[in-house]
Protein backbone atom coordinates (compact mmCIF):
# COMPACT_ATOMS: atom_id res chain seq x y z
CA MET A 1 -51.31 71.70 210.57
CA ARG A 2 -51.62 67.95 210.29
CA GLU A 3 -53.18 66.28 213.30
CA GLU A 4 -54.11 62.66 213.88
CA GLY A 5 -56.63 60.81 215.92
CA PRO A 6 -55.72 58.40 218.73
CA ALA A 7 -53.00 55.89 217.98
CA THR A 8 -54.23 52.51 216.82
CA ASP A 9 -52.80 49.09 217.54
CA ALA A 10 -50.48 47.60 214.94
CA GLY A 11 -49.24 44.16 214.16
CA GLY A 12 -45.94 42.91 215.54
CA ASP A 13 -43.68 43.94 212.65
CA ASP A 14 -45.44 47.27 212.09
CA ASP A 15 -45.38 48.02 215.80
CA GLU A 16 -41.63 47.36 215.97
CA ARG A 17 -40.90 49.59 212.96
CA LEU A 18 -43.03 52.45 214.29
CA SER A 19 -41.28 52.24 217.66
CA ALA A 20 -38.04 53.20 215.88
CA VAL A 21 -39.51 56.48 214.64
CA ALA A 22 -39.47 58.39 217.95
CA PRO A 23 -35.71 58.15 218.70
CA ARG A 24 -34.88 58.67 215.04
CA LEU A 25 -36.91 61.89 214.91
CA ARG A 26 -35.16 63.23 218.00
CA GLU A 27 -31.77 62.30 216.57
CA LEU A 28 -32.40 64.01 213.22
CA ARG A 29 -33.73 67.16 214.86
CA HIS A 30 -30.79 67.44 217.27
CA ARG A 31 -28.27 66.87 214.46
CA SER A 32 -29.90 69.62 212.42
CA GLY A 33 -29.83 72.03 215.38
CA LEU A 34 -33.58 72.64 215.09
CA THR A 35 -35.93 73.61 217.88
CA LEU A 36 -39.11 71.61 218.31
CA GLU A 37 -41.07 74.54 216.91
CA ALA A 38 -38.87 74.88 213.80
CA ALA A 39 -38.97 71.16 213.03
CA ALA A 40 -42.74 71.07 213.50
CA ALA A 41 -43.21 74.01 211.14
CA ARG A 42 -41.20 72.27 208.41
CA ALA A 43 -43.40 69.20 208.64
CA GLY A 44 -46.67 71.14 208.94
CA LEU A 45 -47.33 69.85 212.46
CA SER A 46 -47.97 71.53 215.78
CA PRO A 47 -45.07 71.46 218.27
CA ALA A 48 -47.25 69.49 220.71
CA HIS A 49 -48.00 66.87 218.06
CA LEU A 50 -44.33 66.51 217.12
CA SER A 51 -43.40 66.24 220.79
CA ARG A 52 -45.81 63.32 221.19
CA LEU A 53 -44.29 61.64 218.12
CA GLU A 54 -40.74 62.13 219.43
CA THR A 55 -41.61 60.66 222.82
CA GLY A 56 -43.44 57.68 221.32
CA HIS A 57 -46.83 58.69 222.73
CA ARG A 58 -48.31 58.84 219.23
CA ARG A 59 -47.71 56.81 216.09
CA PRO A 60 -47.45 58.71 212.81
CA SER A 61 -49.73 58.00 209.86
CA LEU A 62 -48.23 57.51 206.41
CA PRO A 63 -48.90 61.14 205.32
CA VAL A 64 -47.17 62.38 208.47
CA LEU A 65 -44.25 60.01 207.90
CA LEU A 66 -43.86 61.42 204.39
CA ALA A 67 -43.97 65.00 205.69
CA LEU A 68 -41.40 64.22 208.39
CA ALA A 69 -39.09 62.52 205.89
CA ARG A 70 -39.22 65.55 203.58
CA ALA A 71 -38.63 67.92 206.49
CA HIS A 72 -35.44 66.04 207.45
CA SER A 73 -34.24 65.36 203.88
CA THR A 74 -34.43 61.61 204.36
CA THR A 75 -36.74 58.70 203.50
CA VAL A 76 -39.62 56.96 205.24
CA SER A 77 -37.50 53.78 205.25
CA ASP A 78 -34.79 55.62 207.14
CA LEU A 79 -37.30 56.94 209.70
CA LEU A 80 -38.56 53.38 210.20
CA GLY A 81 -35.04 52.08 210.73
CA GLU A 82 -35.03 50.07 207.51
CA THR A 83 -31.39 50.79 206.71
CA THR A 84 -29.80 49.45 203.55
CA GLY A 85 -26.16 49.97 204.46
CA ALA A 86 -23.81 52.85 203.84
CA PRO A 87 -24.28 54.73 200.55
CA GLY A 88 -21.80 54.02 197.78
CA PRO A 89 -19.00 56.46 196.96
CA VAL A 90 -20.28 57.41 193.48
CA VAL A 91 -23.20 59.79 192.90
CA ARG A 92 -24.54 59.54 189.33
CA GLY A 93 -25.92 62.68 187.72
CA ALA A 94 -28.99 60.77 186.54
CA ASP A 95 -29.80 59.91 190.17
CA ALA A 96 -29.71 63.56 191.29
CA PRO A 97 -32.51 65.46 189.54
CA GLU A 98 -32.61 69.25 189.75
CA ARG A 99 -35.01 70.97 192.09
CA GLU A 100 -36.02 74.63 191.96
CA VAL A 101 -37.26 76.50 195.02
CA GLY A 102 -37.72 80.24 195.26
CA GLY A 103 -35.67 80.90 192.12
CA TRP A 104 -32.72 78.81 193.34
CA THR A 105 -31.93 75.55 191.57
CA TYR A 106 -29.94 72.79 193.19
CA ARG A 107 -28.80 69.25 192.53
CA ARG A 108 -27.40 66.94 195.17
CA ALA A 109 -23.70 66.22 194.59
CA GLY A 110 -23.23 63.81 197.49
CA ALA A 111 -24.97 60.88 199.15
CA PRO A 112 -27.46 61.41 202.00
CA GLY A 113 -26.62 60.30 205.51
CA ARG A 114 -22.99 61.45 205.45
CA GLY A 115 -21.26 63.96 207.70
CA MET A 116 -21.41 66.61 204.95
CA GLN A 117 -24.00 67.82 202.48
CA ALA A 118 -22.81 68.58 198.96
CA LEU A 119 -24.91 70.52 196.44
CA ARG A 120 -24.51 72.01 193.00
CA VAL A 121 -26.37 75.31 193.15
CA ARG A 122 -27.56 77.88 190.60
CA VAL A 123 -27.97 81.23 192.33
CA PRO A 124 -30.41 83.77 190.83
CA TYR A 125 -29.71 87.47 190.43
CA GLY A 126 -31.80 89.85 192.47
CA GLU A 127 -31.80 93.33 193.89
CA PRO A 128 -29.86 93.50 197.17
CA ARG A 129 -32.02 93.17 200.27
CA GLU A 130 -31.23 93.64 203.93
CA ASP A 131 -32.55 90.24 205.03
CA PRO A 132 -31.05 88.94 208.27
CA ALA A 133 -27.85 87.05 207.58
CA ARG A 134 -27.76 83.32 208.16
CA VAL A 135 -26.09 82.02 211.34
CA HIS A 136 -26.01 78.30 212.21
CA PRO A 137 -23.57 75.64 213.48
CA GLY A 138 -21.03 74.04 211.17
CA GLU A 139 -18.67 75.02 208.36
CA GLU A 140 -19.37 75.94 204.75
CA TRP A 141 -17.23 75.62 201.64
CA LEU A 142 -18.17 76.89 198.23
CA HIS A 143 -16.48 77.07 194.82
CA VAL A 144 -17.74 79.28 192.00
CA LEU A 145 -18.16 77.42 188.70
CA ARG A 146 -19.82 80.11 186.58
CA GLY A 147 -20.76 83.76 186.97
CA ARG A 148 -19.80 86.13 189.75
CA LEU A 149 -20.91 85.75 193.35
CA ARG A 150 -21.31 88.35 196.09
CA LEU A 151 -20.45 86.80 199.46
CA VAL A 152 -20.87 88.81 202.65
CA ILE A 153 -19.16 87.32 205.72
CA GLY A 154 -19.24 89.16 209.01
CA GLY A 155 -20.12 92.46 207.33
CA THR A 156 -17.36 92.29 204.68
CA GLU A 157 -18.42 91.78 201.05
CA HIS A 158 -16.28 89.67 198.71
CA LEU A 159 -16.76 89.41 194.94
CA LEU A 160 -15.91 85.88 193.80
CA GLU A 161 -15.06 85.06 190.18
CA PRO A 162 -15.19 81.61 188.51
CA GLY A 163 -12.51 79.43 190.10
CA ASP A 164 -12.65 81.33 193.42
CA GLY A 165 -13.78 79.64 196.61
CA ALA A 166 -14.50 80.35 200.27
CA HIS A 167 -14.37 78.29 203.48
CA PHE A 168 -15.80 79.76 206.68
CA ASP A 169 -17.45 79.12 210.03
CA SER A 170 -21.23 79.18 209.64
CA LEU A 171 -21.63 80.89 213.01
CA THR A 172 -20.25 84.01 211.30
CA PRO A 173 -23.23 85.94 209.82
CA HIS A 174 -23.21 85.48 206.05
CA ARG A 175 -25.23 86.23 202.90
CA LEU A 176 -24.69 85.57 199.23
CA GLY A 177 -26.20 86.41 195.86
CA ALA A 178 -25.35 86.45 192.15
CA ALA A 179 -23.65 89.66 191.02
CA ASP A 180 -24.83 89.42 187.39
CA ARG A 181 -28.25 89.02 185.80
CA GLU A 182 -27.18 85.69 184.28
CA GLY A 183 -26.89 84.27 187.80
CA ALA A 184 -24.08 82.15 189.17
CA GLU A 185 -23.38 78.46 189.64
CA LEU A 186 -21.39 76.98 192.49
CA LEU A 187 -20.48 73.85 194.41
CA PHE A 188 -21.59 74.07 198.03
CA VAL A 189 -20.61 71.81 200.95
CA HIS A 190 -21.88 72.06 204.52
CA THR A 191 -21.00 70.01 207.59
CA LEU A 192 -24.44 70.18 209.23
CA LEU A 193 -25.62 66.60 208.77
CA GLN A 194 -29.08 66.11 207.23
CA SER A 195 -30.19 69.72 207.32
CA ALA A 196 -32.98 70.37 204.85
CA ASP A 197 -31.69 72.09 201.74
CA ALA A 198 -34.08 74.98 202.14
CA GLY A 199 -32.70 75.57 205.62
CA LEU A 200 -29.21 76.10 204.22
CA CYS A 201 -29.38 78.36 201.19
CA LEU A 202 -32.49 77.53 199.20
CA GLY A 203 -36.22 77.57 199.24
CA ASP A 204 -39.02 79.66 200.61
CA GLY A 205 -38.98 78.77 204.28
CA PRO A 206 -38.95 81.33 207.09
CA ALA A 207 -38.10 84.85 205.96
CA ARG A 208 -34.63 84.84 207.48
CA HIS A 209 -33.73 81.90 205.23
CA ARG A 210 -34.88 83.34 201.94
CA PRO A 211 -32.00 84.08 199.57
CA THR A 212 -32.80 86.97 197.26
CA GLY A 213 -30.03 89.17 195.96
CA ARG A 214 -27.45 89.21 198.74
CA SER A 215 -29.26 86.90 201.09
CA ALA A 216 -27.47 83.76 202.09
CA PRO A 217 -27.54 80.10 202.91
């Protein structure tokens, strides 16, 4: 866990920027539906330390700012309130590099800071596991581009072929996995603003989030 010493005084401009971090952290956490403990774990902090940051009783160092920005899928500039205006409507492929976590590969297909998250996802094949299904606020939409996808919603399994899609309430327990060894590729959209990608369908976060075989976003 990252911990810091006592807060130090800052110059006028730095002090003003750091004062914007506390309300921004609370806003991002509430939008993502995260508890204090869950948000702290993502950033590698203790809950008590994050609580002090969110209430403005402690100023974050640069390493902690970087960790917090990664945890909330945003930038240090955004945490400091250094906004640059609304993102443009076009997302260039060259500006969205692939990232692989836990065997899943994803590429952002939409701009950050919007009311939806859009991803292009490659889902690996794996032996079915009885991991707890994902349940979280919001809606999900997915469209299969390549391969076959097993999607379990509320205990019912659906086999989706290329060209098939699904749109469902994320509060319904759900899991997914590639049906073939070649894997599957899909477009994925979620309405939970600024949730970390690994908290949706990717990555190696808490065990209930890990998608292997039939596990889900």
